[in-house]
Amino acid sequence: MAVIPFSQALRERTWTSHGDSEGASFMKDLMSGEGTREDYIALVAQHFFMYEALESAAGKFASDPVAAAFISPQLTRMPALVADLEFLLGPDWRTKISALPSTQRYVDRINEVAAQNWAGGFIAHHYTRYMGDLSGGQAIGRLMQRHFGFETNGVGFYLFDQIASPKQFKETYRDQLDAVEWSDEERERVIDEVIVAYRFNTEVFIDLTAAKAAA
């Protein structure tokens, strides 16, 4: 019987969770053009906290024999997020944003994985965010440009100008996942952590919807 590559098993086993996340009503509204510029800014603000944690963790794992292969400066999003927030909110943007409770739980989990020096857990969160950014994220970026009249300012987060072919980059990333010599037990742990990451992502969308309703 043919052995399914780990990257394929990971995709298939987490697809429902991924769909739940994408299907959150907040994102549906934003992508259909029913969401406002303020909704978009609220999303960018939450991304800031997520990627601050993730890219800080990347620094800790830079010399890890397993995780280092996945860490690439081409993926780094923090400078783009800072530039987007400066454009969208002005020079004092940092005083205008705060992490939602769900975002804070997400950040705490990434920090916890980093504190445990668990490479598999870090890769699970790394995979969930960046592979999403290079997939559906590309369509989201184009829609935000169309809906809000952005050119590159305001949507820098979605523009991976150092990656010529997102498709090829993702294929290489999946090859790297398949090459890691994890035990079956560790592979299960990584899949479970990806599902956890998708759940956090969905909870952030739910919180964004609630915050919008309260406002």
Protein backbone atom coordinates (compact mmCIF):
# COMPACT_ATOMS: atom_id res chain seq x y z
CA MET A 1 0.00 0.00 0.00
CA ALA A 2 1.36 3.43 -0.96
CA VAL A 3 2.37 5.61 1.96
CA ILE A 4 0.68 9.04 1.88
CA PRO A 5 3.26 11.87 2.10
CA PHE A 6 3.01 13.72 5.41
CA SER A 7 2.23 17.05 3.71
CA GLN A 8 -0.76 15.42 1.97
CA ALA A 9 -2.00 13.81 5.20
CA LEU A 10 -1.63 17.16 6.96
CA ARG A 11 -3.66 18.95 4.31
CA GLU A 12 -6.40 16.33 4.17
CA ARG A 13 -6.71 15.93 7.94
CA THR A 14 -6.93 19.67 8.61
CA TRP A 15 -9.08 20.67 5.63
CA THR A 16 -12.35 20.85 7.60
CA SER A 17 -10.75 23.11 10.22
CA HIS A 18 -9.32 25.27 7.45
CA GLY A 19 -12.76 25.55 5.85
CA ASP A 20 -14.35 26.53 9.16
CA SER A 21 -11.78 29.29 9.51
CA GLU A 22 -12.23 30.63 5.99
CA GLY A 23 -15.99 30.47 6.33
CA ALA A 24 -16.20 32.77 9.34
CA SER A 25 -18.81 35.47 8.61
CA PHE A 26 -16.35 38.30 9.28
CA MET A 27 -14.15 37.20 6.39
CA LYS A 28 -17.14 36.44 4.16
CA ASP A 29 -18.33 40.04 4.58
CA LEU A 30 -14.86 41.46 4.02
CA MET A 31 -14.30 39.44 0.85
CA SER A 32 -17.77 40.07 -0.60
CA GLY A 33 -17.36 43.84 -0.24
CA GLU A 34 -19.86 44.15 2.62
CA GLY A 35 -17.10 44.73 5.17
CA THR A 36 -15.80 48.24 5.83
CA ARG A 37 -12.32 49.74 5.73
CA GLU A 38 -12.49 49.78 9.57
CA ASP A 39 -13.16 46.03 9.52
CA TYR A 40 -10.09 45.52 7.39
CA ILE A 41 -7.96 47.67 9.71
CA ALA A 42 -9.21 45.64 12.70
CA LEU A 43 -7.99 42.47 10.96
CA VAL A 44 -4.58 43.98 10.14
CA ALA A 45 -4.21 44.98 13.81
CA GLN A 46 -4.80 41.39 14.99
CA HIS A 47 -2.32 40.11 12.40
CA PHE A 48 0.29 42.41 13.94
CA PHE A 49 0.09 40.61 17.30
CA MET A 50 0.03 37.13 15.74
CA TYR A 51 3.07 37.72 13.55
CA GLU A 52 4.96 39.54 16.28
CA ALA A 53 4.73 36.32 18.31
CA LEU A 54 5.39 33.99 15.37
CA GLU A 55 8.40 35.88 14.05
CA SER A 56 9.81 36.30 17.53
CA ALA A 57 9.53 32.51 17.89
CA ALA A 58 11.27 32.11 14.51
CA GLY A 59 14.26 33.91 15.99
CA LYS A 60 14.42 31.34 18.80
CA PHE A 61 14.21 28.41 16.36
CA ALA A 62 16.66 29.82 13.79
CA SER A 63 19.37 27.37 14.85
CA ASP A 64 17.05 24.41 15.46
CA PRO A 65 18.10 21.49 13.21
CA VAL A 66 14.50 20.79 12.13
CA ALA A 67 12.76 24.18 12.24
CA ALA A 68 15.54 26.21 10.59
CA ALA A 69 14.78 24.75 7.14
CA PHE A 70 11.33 26.37 7.21
CA ILE A 71 12.41 29.82 8.37
CA SER A 72 12.98 32.18 5.46
CA PRO A 73 13.43 35.97 5.34
CA GLN A 74 11.22 35.88 2.21
CA LEU A 75 8.25 35.10 4.47
CA THR A 76 8.84 37.79 7.12
CA ARG A 77 5.69 39.90 7.49
CA MET A 78 6.38 42.30 10.38
CA PRO A 79 7.92 45.18 8.37
CA ALA A 80 4.97 45.06 5.95
CA LEU A 81 2.45 44.99 8.80
CA VAL A 82 4.09 48.00 10.46
CA ALA A 83 4.05 49.89 7.15
CA ASP A 84 0.40 48.94 6.55
CA LEU A 85 -0.65 50.14 10.00
CA GLU A 86 1.28 53.42 9.61
CA PHE A 87 -0.54 53.98 6.31
CA LEU A 88 -3.97 52.97 7.66
CA LEU A 89 -3.85 54.55 11.14
CA GLY A 90 -1.06 57.14 11.07
CA PRO A 91 2.28 57.41 12.89
CA ASP A 92 0.72 56.78 16.32
CA TRP A 93 -0.89 53.51 15.14
CA ARG A 94 0.62 51.51 18.01
CA THR A 95 -1.48 53.41 20.58
CA LYS A 96 -4.66 52.68 18.59
CA ILE A 97 -4.55 48.88 18.51
CA SER A 98 -4.88 46.11 21.07
CA ALA A 99 -5.08 42.33 20.93
CA LEU A 100 -8.54 40.80 21.19
CA PRO A 101 -8.89 38.06 23.87
CA SER A 102 -8.80 35.33 21.20
CA THR A 103 -5.71 36.87 19.60
CA GLN A 104 -4.02 36.98 23.00
CA ARG A 105 -4.77 33.27 23.53
CA TYR A 106 -3.31 32.57 20.08
CA VAL A 107 -0.18 34.57 20.92
CA ASP A 108 0.13 32.82 24.29
CA ARG A 109 0.01 29.43 22.56
CA ILE A 110 2.75 30.37 20.08
CA ASN A 111 4.86 31.67 22.98
CA GLU A 112 4.21 28.47 24.92
CA VAL A 113 5.36 26.30 22.01
CA ALA A 114 8.51 28.44 21.71
CA ALA A 115 9.18 28.20 25.45
CA GLN A 116 8.93 24.41 25.19
CA ASN A 117 11.46 24.44 22.30
CA TRP A 118 8.98 22.25 20.42
CA ALA A 119 10.04 22.49 16.79
CA GLY A 120 7.04 20.51 15.53
CA GLY A 121 4.63 22.87 17.27
CA PHE A 122 6.40 25.92 15.87
CA ILE A 123 6.31 24.43 12.35
CA ALA A 124 2.57 23.73 12.78
CA HIS A 125 1.88 27.42 13.44
CA HIS A 126 4.39 28.53 10.78
CA TYR A 127 2.71 26.26 8.20
CA THR A 128 -0.81 27.38 9.13
CA ARG A 129 -0.07 31.08 8.75
CA TYR A 130 2.38 31.35 5.87
CA MET A 131 0.95 28.62 3.64
CA GLY A 132 -2.42 30.33 4.11
CA ASP A 133 -0.89 33.70 3.23
CA LEU A 134 0.60 32.26 0.04
CA SER A 135 -2.69 30.55 -0.88
CA GLY A 136 -6.04 32.18 -0.04
CA GLY A 137 -4.22 35.23 1.30
CA GLN A 138 -3.27 36.20 -2.24
CA ALA A 139 -6.94 36.40 -3.25
CA ILE A 140 -7.78 38.34 -0.08
CA GLY A 141 -5.06 40.90 -0.87
CA ARG A 142 -6.38 41.45 -4.40
CA LEU A 143 -9.95 41.83 -3.13
CA MET A 144 -8.87 44.40 -0.51
CA GLN A 145 -7.12 46.37 -3.27
CA ARG A 146 -10.30 46.31 -5.32
CA HIS A 147 -12.74 47.07 -2.47
CA PHE A 148 -10.74 49.88 -0.83
CA GLY A 149 -8.75 51.30 -3.73
CA PHE A 150 -5.37 50.28 -2.31
CA GLU A 151 -2.38 49.97 -4.61
CA THR A 152 0.42 48.56 -2.46
CA ASN A 153 0.12 50.77 0.63
CA GLY A 154 -2.22 49.12 3.12
CA VAL A 155 -1.90 45.61 1.65
CA GLY A 156 1.86 45.11 1.92
CA PHE A 157 1.19 42.15 4.21
CA TYR A 158 -0.17 40.17 1.26
CA LEU A 159 2.62 41.11 -1.17
CA PHE A 160 5.48 38.62 -1.07
CA ASP A 161 7.73 40.55 -3.42
CA GLN A 162 10.72 38.28 -2.73
CA ILE A 163 8.82 35.13 -3.78
CA ALA A 164 8.65 34.84 -7.57
CA SER A 165 6.32 31.84 -7.55
CA PRO A 166 4.15 31.20 -4.47
CA LYS A 167 3.13 27.83 -6.02
CA GLN A 168 6.74 26.69 -6.33
CA PHE A 169 7.58 27.99 -2.84
CA LYS A 170 4.69 25.99 -1.36
CA GLU A 171 5.77 22.84 -3.20
CA THR A 172 9.29 23.19 -1.79
CA TYR A 173 7.83 23.77 1.68
CA ARG A 174 5.75 20.58 1.40
CA ASP A 175 8.83 18.65 0.26
CA GLN A 176 10.60 19.90 3.38
CA LEU A 177 7.69 18.72 5.53
CA ASP A 178 7.89 15.27 3.93
CA ALA A 179 11.64 15.13 4.52
CA VAL A 180 11.44 15.65 8.30
CA GLU A 181 12.02 12.33 10.04
CA TRP A 182 9.31 12.60 12.67
CA SER A 183 7.86 9.54 14.35
CA ASP A 184 4.21 8.71 13.64
CA GLU A 185 3.38 10.01 17.12
CA GLU A 186 5.11 13.34 16.49
CA ARG A 187 3.38 13.70 13.13
CA GLU A 188 0.04 13.27 14.92
CA ARG A 189 1.04 15.96 17.41
CA VAL A 190 1.92 18.35 14.57
CA ILE A 191 -1.41 17.70 12.81
CA ASP A 192 -3.25 18.30 16.09
CA GLU A 193 -1.40 21.60 16.57
CA VAL A 194 -2.35 22.77 13.07
CA ILE A 195 -5.99 22.09 13.98
CA VAL A 196 -5.45 24.12 17.18
CA ALA A 197 -4.00 26.99 15.10
CA TYR A 198 -7.01 26.97 12.75
CA ARG A 199 -9.33 27.00 15.76
CA PHE A 200 -7.56 30.06 17.18
CA ASN A 201 -7.86 31.75 13.79
CA THR A 202 -11.61 31.08 13.69
CA GLU A 203 -12.00 32.41 17.25
CA VAL A 204 -10.27 35.64 16.19
CA PHE A 205 -12.82 36.09 13.39
CA ILE A 206 -15.64 35.47 15.89
CA ASP A 207 -14.15 38.08 18.25
CA LEU A 208 -13.78 40.55 15.37
CA THR A 209 -17.47 40.05 14.53
CA ALA A 210 -18.44 40.59 18.19
CA ALA A 211 -16.26 43.71 18.50
CA LYS A 212 -17.84 45.13 15.34
CA ALA A 213 -21.35 44.47 16.68
CA ALA A 214 -20.47 46.11 20.02
CA ALA A 215 -19.10 49.18 18.23
